[in-house]
PDB file of all heavy atoms in Angstrom:
ATOM      1  N   LYS A   1      81.335 -88.260 181.917  1.00  0.00           N
ATOM      2  CA  LYS A   1      80.681 -88.735 180.693  1.00  0.00           C
ATOM      3  C   LYS A   1      81.648 -88.829 179.517  1.00  0.00           C
ATOM      4  O   LYS A   1      81.436 -89.600 178.587  1.00  0.00           O
ATOM      5  CB  LYS A   1      79.530 -87.799 180.322  1.00  0.00           C
ATOM      6  CG  LYS A   1      78.331 -87.894 181.241  1.00  0.00           C
ATOM      7  CD  LYS A   1      77.506 -89.115 180.931  1.00  0.00           C
ATOM      8  CE  LYS A   1      76.224 -89.130 181.745  1.00  0.00           C
ATOM      9  NZ  LYS A   1      75.392 -90.297 181.443  1.00  0.00           N
ATOM     10  N   ASN A   2      82.700 -88.037 179.524  1.00  0.00           N
ATOM     11  CA  ASN A   2      83.659 -88.073 178.430  1.00  0.00           C
ATOM     12  C   ASN A   2      84.530 -89.328 178.459  1.00  0.00           C
ATOM     13  O   ASN A   2      85.187 -89.657 177.490  1.00  0.00           O
ATOM     14  CB  ASN A   2      84.562 -86.839 178.472  1.00  0.00           C
ATOM     15  CG  ASN A   2      83.792 -85.566 178.236  1.00  0.00           C
ATOM     16  OD1 ASN A   2      82.863 -85.543 177.440  1.00  0.00           O
ATOM     17  ND2 ASN A   2      84.159 -84.505 178.940  1.00  0.00           N
ATOM     18  N   ALA A   3      84.514 -90.020 179.605  1.00  0.00           N
ATOM     19  CA  ALA A   3      85.370 -91.194 179.744  1.00  0.00           C
ATOM     20  C   ALA A   3      84.615 -92.490 179.574  1.00  0.00           C
ATOM     21  O   ALA A   3      85.197 -93.559 179.599  1.00  0.00           O
ATOM     22  CB  ALA A   3      86.043 -91.180 181.116  1.00  0.00           C
ATOM     23  N   VAL A   4      83.300 -92.387 179.386  1.00  0.00           N
ATOM     24  CA  VAL A   4      82.493 -93.600 179.332  1.00  0.00           C
ATOM     25  C   VAL A   4      81.531 -93.552 178.159  1.00  0.00           C
ATOM     26  O   VAL A   4      81.303 -92.523 177.552  1.00  0.00           O
ATOM     27  CB  VAL A   4      81.698 -93.800 180.640  1.00  0.00           C
ATOM     28  CG1 VAL A   4      82.628 -94.028 181.809  1.00  0.00           C
ATOM     29  CG2 VAL A   4      80.812 -92.603 180.919  1.00  0.00           C
ATOM     30  N   ILE A   5      80.960 -94.701 177.887  1.00  0.00           N
ATOM     31  CA  ILE A   5      80.075 -94.849 176.740  1.00  0.00           C
ATOM     32  C   ILE A   5      78.694 -94.270 177.031  1.00  0.00           C
ATOM     33  O   ILE A   5      78.218 -94.321 178.153  1.00  0.00           O
ATOM     34  CB  ILE A   5      79.964 -96.343 176.380  1.00  0.00           C
ATOM     35  CG1 ILE A   5      79.288 -96.544 175.037  1.00  0.00           C
ATOM     36  CG2 ILE A   5      79.249 -97.127 177.440  1.00  0.00           C
ATOM     37  CD1 ILE A   5      79.365 -97.966 174.555  1.00  0.00           C
ATOM     38  N   SER A   6      78.067 -93.719 176.015  1.00  0.00           N
ATOM     39  CA  SER A   6      76.674 -93.313 176.144  1.00  0.00           C
ATOM     40  C   SER A   6      75.802 -94.552 176.196  1.00  0.00           C
ATOM     41  O   SER A   6      76.088 -95.550 175.550  1.00  0.00           O
ATOM     42  CB  SER A   6      76.272 -92.445 174.941  1.00  0.00           C
ATOM     43  OG  SER A   6      74.876 -92.383 174.814  1.00  0.00           O
ATOM     44  N   ASN A   7      74.721 -94.499 176.960  1.00  0.00           N
ATOM     45  CA  ASN A   7      73.835 -95.656 177.055  1.00  0.00           C
ATOM     46  C   ASN A   7      73.202 -96.015 175.718  1.00  0.00           C
ATOM     47  O   ASN A   7      72.806 -97.144 175.492  1.00  0.00           O
ATOM     48  CB  ASN A   7      72.722 -95.391 178.069  1.00  0.00           C
ATOM     49  CG  ASN A   7      73.221 -95.491 179.491  1.00  0.00           C
ATOM     50  OD1 ASN A   7      74.358 -95.879 179.720  1.00  0.00           O
ATOM     51  ND2 ASN A   7      72.380 -95.140 180.445  1.00  0.00           N
ATOM     52  N   SER A   8      73.078 -95.052 174.832  1.00  0.00           N
ATOM     53  CA  SER A   8      72.357 -95.304 173.589  1.00  0.00           C
ATOM     54  C   SER A   8      73.211 -95.191 172.341  1.00  0.00           C
ATOM     55  O   SER A   8      72.770 -95.524 171.264  1.00  0.00           O
ATOM     56  CB  SER A   8      71.186 -94.320 173.471  1.00  0.00           C
ATOM     57  OG  SER A   8      71.669 -92.986 173.475  1.00  0.00           O
ATOM     58  N   ASN A   9      74.419 -94.695 172.460  1.00  0.00           N
ATOM     59  CA  ASN A   9      75.214 -94.444 171.269  1.00  0.00           C
ATOM     60  C   ASN A   9      76.665 -94.831 171.501  1.00  0.00           C
ATOM     61  O   ASN A   9      77.348 -94.216 172.304  1.00  0.00           O
ATOM     62  CB  ASN A   9      75.122 -92.962 170.879  1.00  0.00           C
ATOM     63  CG  ASN A   9      75.870 -92.656 169.590  1.00  0.00           C
ATOM     64  OD1 ASN A   9      76.309 -93.568 168.896  1.00  0.00           O
ATOM     65  ND2 ASN A   9      75.978 -91.379 169.266  1.00  0.00           N
ATOM     66  N   THR A  10      77.133 -95.852 170.804  1.00  0.00           N
ATOM     67  CA  THR A  10      78.516 -96.281 170.967  1.00  0.00           C
ATOM     68  C   THR A  10      79.454 -95.570 170.006  1.00  0.00           C
ATOM     69  O   THR A  10      80.661 -95.728 170.095  1.00  0.00           O
ATOM     70  CB  THR A  10      78.637 -97.791 170.729  1.00  0.00           C
ATOM     71  OG1 THR A  10      78.291 -98.086 169.366  1.00  0.00           O
ATOM     72  CG2 THR A  10      77.736 -98.575 171.647  1.00  0.00           C
ATOM     73  N   ALA A  11      78.902 -94.778 169.096  1.00  0.00           N
ATOM     74  CA  ALA A  11      79.748 -94.136 168.095  1.00  0.00           C
ATOM     75  C   ALA A  11      80.606 -93.033 168.674  1.00  0.00           C
ATOM     76  O   ALA A  11      81.594 -92.623 168.070  1.00  0.00           O
ATOM     77  CB  ALA A  11      78.875 -93.568 166.966  1.00  0.00           C
ATOM     78  N   ASP A  12      80.222 -92.529 169.848  1.00  0.00           N
ATOM     79  CA  ASP A  12      80.963 -91.425 170.440  1.00  0.00           C
ATOM     80  C   ASP A  12      82.239 -91.857 171.155  1.00  0.00           C
ATOM     81  O   ASP A  12      83.025 -91.027 171.581  1.00  0.00           O
ATOM     82  CB  ASP A  12      80.080 -90.679 171.446  1.00  0.00           C
ATOM     83  CG  ASP A  12      78.908 -90.000 170.758  1.00  0.00           C
ATOM     84  OD1 ASP A  12      79.032 -89.687 169.558  1.00  0.00           O
ATOM     85  OD2 ASP A  12      77.880 -89.792 171.418  1.00  0.00           O
ATOM     86  N   VAL A  13      82.406 -93.162 171.309  1.00  0.00           N
ATOM     87  CA  VAL A  13      83.555 -93.648 172.056  1.00  0.00           C
ATOM     88  C   VAL A  13      84.827 -93.478 171.239  1.00  0.00           C
ATOM     89  O   VAL A  13      84.892 -93.858 170.082  1.00  0.00           O
ATOM     90  CB  VAL A  13      83.373 -95.131 172.418  1.00  0.00           C
ATOM     91  CG1 VAL A  13      84.589 -95.638 173.168  1.00  0.00           C
ATOM     92  CG2 VAL A  13      82.127 -95.304 173.262  1.00  0.00           C
ATOM     93  N   ASP A  14      85.823 -92.872 171.850  1.00  0.00           N
ATOM     94  CA  ASP A  14      87.115 -92.711 171.200  1.00  0.00           C
ATOM     95  C   ASP A  14      87.974 -93.918 171.546  1.00  0.00           C
ATOM     96  O   ASP A  14      88.628 -93.959 172.576  1.00  0.00           O
ATOM     97  CB  ASP A  14      87.790 -91.421 171.691  1.00  0.00           C
ATOM     98  CG  ASP A  14      89.123 -91.176 170.991  1.00  0.00           C
ATOM     99  OD1 ASP A  14      89.377 -91.822 169.957  1.00  0.00           O
ATOM    100  OD2 ASP A  14      89.900 -90.356 171.499  1.00  0.00           O
ATOM    101  N   ASN A  15      87.929 -94.944 170.692  1.00  0.00           N
ATOM    102  CA  ASN A  15      88.657 -96.177 170.985  1.00  0.00           C
ATOM    103  C   ASN A  15      90.155 -95.941 171.024  1.00  0.00           C
ATOM    104  O   ASN A  15      90.709 -95.184 170.230  1.00  0.00           O
ATOM    105  CB  ASN A  15      88.352 -97.239 169.918  1.00  0.00           C
ATOM    106  CG  ASN A  15      86.942 -97.745 170.028  1.00  0.00           C
ATOM    107  OD1 ASN A  15      86.389 -97.794 171.117  1.00  0.00           O
ATOM    108  ND2 ASN A  15      86.346 -98.111 168.899  1.00  0.00           N
ATOM    109  N   GLN A  16      90.777 -96.632 171.942  1.00  0.00           N
ATOM    110  CA  GLN A  16      92.237 -96.556 172.027  1.00  0.00           C
ATOM    111  C   GLN A  16      92.836 -97.184 170.778  1.00  0.00           C
ATOM    112  O   GLN A  16      92.435 -98.247 170.347  1.00  0.00           O
ATOM    113  CB  GLN A  16      92.725 -97.322 173.256  1.00  0.00           C
ATOM    114  CG  GLN A  16      94.237 -97.285 173.403  1.00  0.00           C
ATOM    115  CD  GLN A  16      94.708 -98.359 174.357  1.00  0.00           C
ATOM    116  OE1 GLN A  16      94.133 -99.423 174.408  1.00  0.00           O
ATOM    117  NE2 GLN A  16      95.746 -98.070 175.085  1.00  0.00           N
ATOM    118  N   LYS A  17      93.799 -96.504 170.192  1.00  0.00           N
ATOM    119  CA  LYS A  17      94.480 -97.081 169.040  1.00  0.00           C
ATOM    120  C   LYS A  17      95.368 -98.216 169.510  1.00  0.00           C
ATOM    121  O   LYS A  17      95.966 -98.164 170.573  1.00  0.00           O
ATOM    122  CB  LYS A  17      95.326 -96.020 168.326  1.00  0.00           C
ATOM    123  CG  LYS A  17      94.477 -94.929 167.677  1.00  0.00           C
ATOM    124  CD  LYS A  17      95.352 -93.933 166.944  1.00  0.00           C
ATOM    125  CE  LYS A  17      94.498 -92.856 166.281  1.00  0.00           C
ATOM    126  NZ  LYS A  17      95.329 -91.853 165.569  1.00  0.00           N
ATOM    127  N   GLU A  18      95.448 -99.263 168.692  1.00  0.00           N
ATOM    128  CA  GLU A  18      96.231-100.427 169.080  1.00  0.00           C
ATOM    129  C   GLU A  18      97.707-100.066 169.215  1.00  0.00           C
ATOM    130  O   GLU A  18      98.259 -99.299 168.431  1.00  0.00           O
ATOM    131  CB  GLU A  18      96.078-101.535 168.035  1.00  0.00           C
ATOM    132  CG  GLU A  18      94.704-102.169 168.047  1.00  0.00           C
ATOM    133  CD  GLU A  18      94.652-103.382 167.150  1.00  0.00           C
ATOM    134  OE1 GLU A  18      95.616-103.583 166.394  1.00  0.00           O
ATOM    135  OE2 GLU A  18      93.665-104.108 167.213  1.00  0.00           O
ATOM    136  N   ALA A  19      98.304-100.642 170.235  1.00  0.00           N
ATOM    137  CA  ALA A  19      99.747-100.467 170.407  1.00  0.00           C
ATOM    138  C   ALA A  19     100.475-101.272 169.350  1.00  0.00           C
ATOM    139  O   ALA A  19      99.930-102.198 168.773  1.00  0.00           O
ATOM    140  CB  ALA A  19     100.150-100.953 171.796  1.00  0.00           C
ATOM    141  N   LYS A  20     101.715-100.902 169.082  1.00  0.00           N
ATOM    142  CA  LYS A  20     102.494-101.668 168.126  1.00  0.00           C
ATOM    143  C   LYS A  20     103.020-102.928 168.795  1.00  0.00           C
ATOM    144  O   LYS A  20     102.894-103.116 170.001  1.00  0.00           O
ATOM    145  CB  LYS A  20     103.652-100.824 167.601  1.00  0.00           C
ATOM    146  CG  LYS A  20     103.183 -99.615 166.799  1.00  0.00           C
ATOM    147  CD  LYS A  20     104.358 -98.817 166.265  1.00  0.00           C
ATOM    148  CE  LYS A  20     103.868 -97.619 165.466  1.00  0.00           C
ATOM    149  NZ  LYS A  20     105.001 -96.808 164.951  1.00  0.00           N
ATOM    150  N   GLN A  21     103.615-103.808 167.986  1.00  0.00           N
ATOM    151  CA  GLN A  21     104.102-105.082 168.500  1.00  0.00           C
ATOM    152  C   GLN A  21     105.250-104.865 169.477  1.00  0.00           C
ATOM    153  O   GLN A  21     105.748-103.751 169.636  1.00  0.00           O
ATOM    154  CB  GLN A  21     104.566-105.944 167.319  1.00  0.00           C
ATOM    155  CG  GLN A  21     104.680-107.400 167.650  1.00  0.00           C
ATOM    156  CD  GLN A  21     105.087-108.192 166.439  1.00  0.00           C
ATOM    157  OE1 GLN A  21     104.870-107.764 165.333  1.00  0.00           O
ATOM    158  NE2 GLN A  21     105.681-109.333 166.664  1.00  0.00           N
ATOM    159  N   GLU A  22     105.680-105.924 170.138  1.00  0.00           N
ATOM    160  CA  GLU A  22     106.638-105.868 171.232  1.00  0.00           C
ATOM    161  C   GLU A  22     107.816-104.943 170.982  1.00  0.00           C
ATOM    162  O   GLU A  22     108.200-104.156 171.833  1.00  0.00           O
ATOM    163  CB  GLU A  22     107.165-107.280 171.508  1.00  0.00           C
ATOM    164  CG  GLU A  22     108.239-107.340 172.556  1.00  0.00           C
ATOM    165  CD  GLU A  22     108.882-108.690 172.653  1.00  0.00           C
ATOM    166  OE1 GLU A  22     108.226-109.703 172.413  1.00  0.00           O
ATOM    167  OE2 GLU A  22     110.089-108.720 172.952  1.00  0.00           O
ATOM    168  N   ALA A  23     108.379-105.002 169.801  1.00  0.00           N
ATOM    169  CA  ALA A  23     109.624-104.274 169.540  1.00  0.00           C
ATOM    170  C   ALA A  23     109.441-102.767 169.589  1.00  0.00           C
ATOM    171  O   ALA A  23     110.375-102.034 169.886  1.00  0.00           O
ATOM    172  CB  ALA A  23     110.178-104.672 168.175  1.00  0.00           C
ATOM    173  N   THR A  24     108.216-102.280 169.273  1.00  0.00           N
ATOM    174  CA  THR A  24     108.037-100.839 169.170  1.00  0.00           C
ATOM    175  C   THR A  24     106.974-100.287 170.100  1.00  0.00           C
ATOM    176  O   THR A  24     106.799 -99.081 170.176  1.00  0.00           O
ATOM    177  CB  THR A  24     107.653-100.463 167.727  1.00  0.00           C
ATOM    178  OG1 THR A  24     106.466-101.179 167.368  1.00  0.00           O
ATOM    179  CG2 THR A  24     108.772-100.818 166.765  1.00  0.00           C
ATOM    180  N   SER A  25     106.206-101.134 170.804  1.00  0.00           N
ATOM    181  CA  SER A  25     105.113-100.637 171.636  1.00  0.00           C
ATOM    182  C   SER A  25     105.639 -99.993 172.907  1.00  0.00           C
ATOM    183  O   SER A  25     106.746-100.249 173.349  1.00  0.00           O
ATOM    184  CB  SER A  25     104.163-101.782 171.988  1.00  0.00           C
ATOM    185  OG  SER A  25     104.846-102.765 172.727  1.00  0.00           O
ATOM    186  N   GLN A  26     104.790 -99.148 173.491  1.00  0.00           N
ATOM    187  CA  GLN A  26     105.123 -98.488 174.747  1.00  0.00           C
ATOM    188  C   GLN A  26     104.159 -98.994 175.807  1.00  0.00           C
ATOM    189  O   GLN A  26     103.082 -98.431 175.995  1.00  0.00           O
ATOM    190  CB  GLN A  26     105.021 -96.964 174.583  1.00  0.00           C
ATOM    191  CG  GLN A  26     105.972 -96.400 173.553  1.00  0.00           C
ATOM    192  CD  GLN A  26     107.427 -96.600 173.952  1.00  0.00           C
ATOM    193  OE1 GLN A  26     107.781 -96.466 175.117  1.00  0.00           O
ATOM    194  NE2 GLN A  26     108.281 -96.942 172.997  1.00  0.00           N
ATOM    195  N   PRO A  27     104.477-100.042 176.519  1.00  0.00           N
ATOM    196  CA  PRO A  27     103.544-100.606 177.488  1.00  0.00           C
ATOM    197  C   PRO A  27     103.366 -99.724 178.701  1.00  0.00           C
ATOM    198  O   PRO A  27     104.230 -98.914 179.022  1.00  0.00           O
ATOM    199  CB  PRO A  27     104.204-101.932 177.881  1.00  0.00           C
ATOM    200  CG  PRO A  27     105.671-101.655 177.718  1.00  0.00           C
ATOM    201  CD  PRO A  27     105.764-100.753 176.508  1.00  0.00           C
ATOM    202  N   GLN A  28     102.214 -99.934 179.372  1.00  0.00           N
ATOM    203  CA  GLN A  28     101.995 -99.264 180.644  1.00  0.00           C
ATOM    204  C   GLN A  28     102.847 -99.958 181.692  1.00  0.00           C
ATOM    205  O   GLN A  28     102.819-101.165 181.820  1.00  0.00           O
ATOM    206  CB  GLN A  28     100.521 -99.359 181.052  1.00  0.00           C
ATOM    207  CG  GLN A  28      99.570 -98.699 180.074  1.00  0.00           C
ATOM    208  CD  GLN A  28      98.148 -98.905 180.508  1.00  0.00           C
ATOM    209  OE1 GLN A  28      97.872 -99.384 181.590  1.00  0.00           O
ATOM    210  NE2 GLN A  28      97.222 -98.526 179.651  1.00  0.00           N
ATOM    211  N   THR A  29     103.602 -99.221 182.435  1.00  0.00           N
ATOM    212  CA  THR A  29     104.429 -99.829 183.467  1.00  0.00           C
ATOM    213  C   THR A  29     103.653 -99.891 184.769  1.00  0.00           C
ATOM    214  O   THR A  29     102.846 -99.029 185.063  1.00  0.00           O
ATOM    215  CB  THR A  29     105.719 -99.030 183.678  1.00  0.00           C
ATOM    216  OG1 THR A  29     105.381 -97.687 184.007  1.00  0.00           O
ATOM    217  CG2 THR A  29     106.568 -99.044 182.411  1.00  0.00           C
ATOM    218  N   SER A  30     103.895-100.932 185.521  1.00  0.00           N
ATOM    219  CA  SER A  30     103.214-101.132 186.784  1.00  0.00           C
ATOM    220  C   SER A  30     104.129-100.767 187.928  1.00  0.00           C
ATOM    221  O   SER A  30     105.346-100.839 187.815  1.00  0.00           O
ATOM    222  CB  SER A  30     102.785-102.607 186.909  1.00  0.00           C
ATOM    223  OG  SER A  30     102.248-102.859 188.172  1.00  0.00           O
ATOM    224  N   SER A  31     103.521-100.382 189.062  1.00  0.00           N
ATOM    225  CA  SER A  31     104.321-100.028 190.219  1.00  0.00           C
ATOM    226  C   SER A  31     105.032-101.239 190.797  1.00  0.00           C
ATOM    227  O   SER A  31     106.031-101.110 191.478  1.00  0.00           O
ATOM    228  CB  SER A  31     103.426 -99.390 191.283  1.00  0.00           C
ATOM    229  OG  SER A  31     102.395-100.291 191.663  1.00  0.00           O
ATOM    230  N   LYS A  32     104.496-102.433 190.531  1.00  0.00           N
ATOM    231  CA  LYS A  32     105.178-103.639 190.975  1.00  0.00           C
ATOM    232  C   LYS A  32     104.851-104.780 190.028  1.00  0.00           C
ATOM    233  O   LYS A  32     103.783-104.826 189.421  1.00  0.00           O
ATOM    234  CB  LYS A  32     104.759-104.003 192.395  1.00  0.00           C
ATOM    235  CG  LYS A  32     103.314-104.422 192.556  1.00  0.00           C
ATOM    236  CD  LYS A  32     103.063-104.896 193.980  1.00  0.00           C
ATOM    237  CE  LYS A  32     101.622-105.400 194.125  1.00  0.00           C
ATOM    238  NZ  LYS A  32     101.379-105.958 195.462  1.00  0.00           N
ATOM    239  N   ASP A  33     105.806-105.678 189.890  1.00  0.00           N
ATOM    240  CA  ASP A  33     105.595-106.835 189.038  1.00  0.00           C
ATOM    241  C   ASP A  33     104.757-107.866 189.780  1.00  0.00           C
ATOM    242  O   ASP A  33     104.751-107.926 191.007  1.00  0.00           O
ATOM    243  CB  ASP A  33     106.944-107.436 188.637  1.00  0.00           C
ATOM    244  CG  ASP A  33     107.770-106.476 187.794  1.00  0.00           C
ATOM    245  OD1 ASP A  33     107.162-105.656 187.085  1.00  0.00           O
ATOM    246  OD2 ASP A  33     109.008-106.549 187.858  1.00  0.00           O
TER     247      ASP A  33
END
């Protein structure tokens, strides 16, 4: 339940903060391209 939205309340969701632009962001790396 901590990882998903409540059916009735969206205020509890901890939105991911936006990553910075290309020069400074830390992208998620994939196991393969």
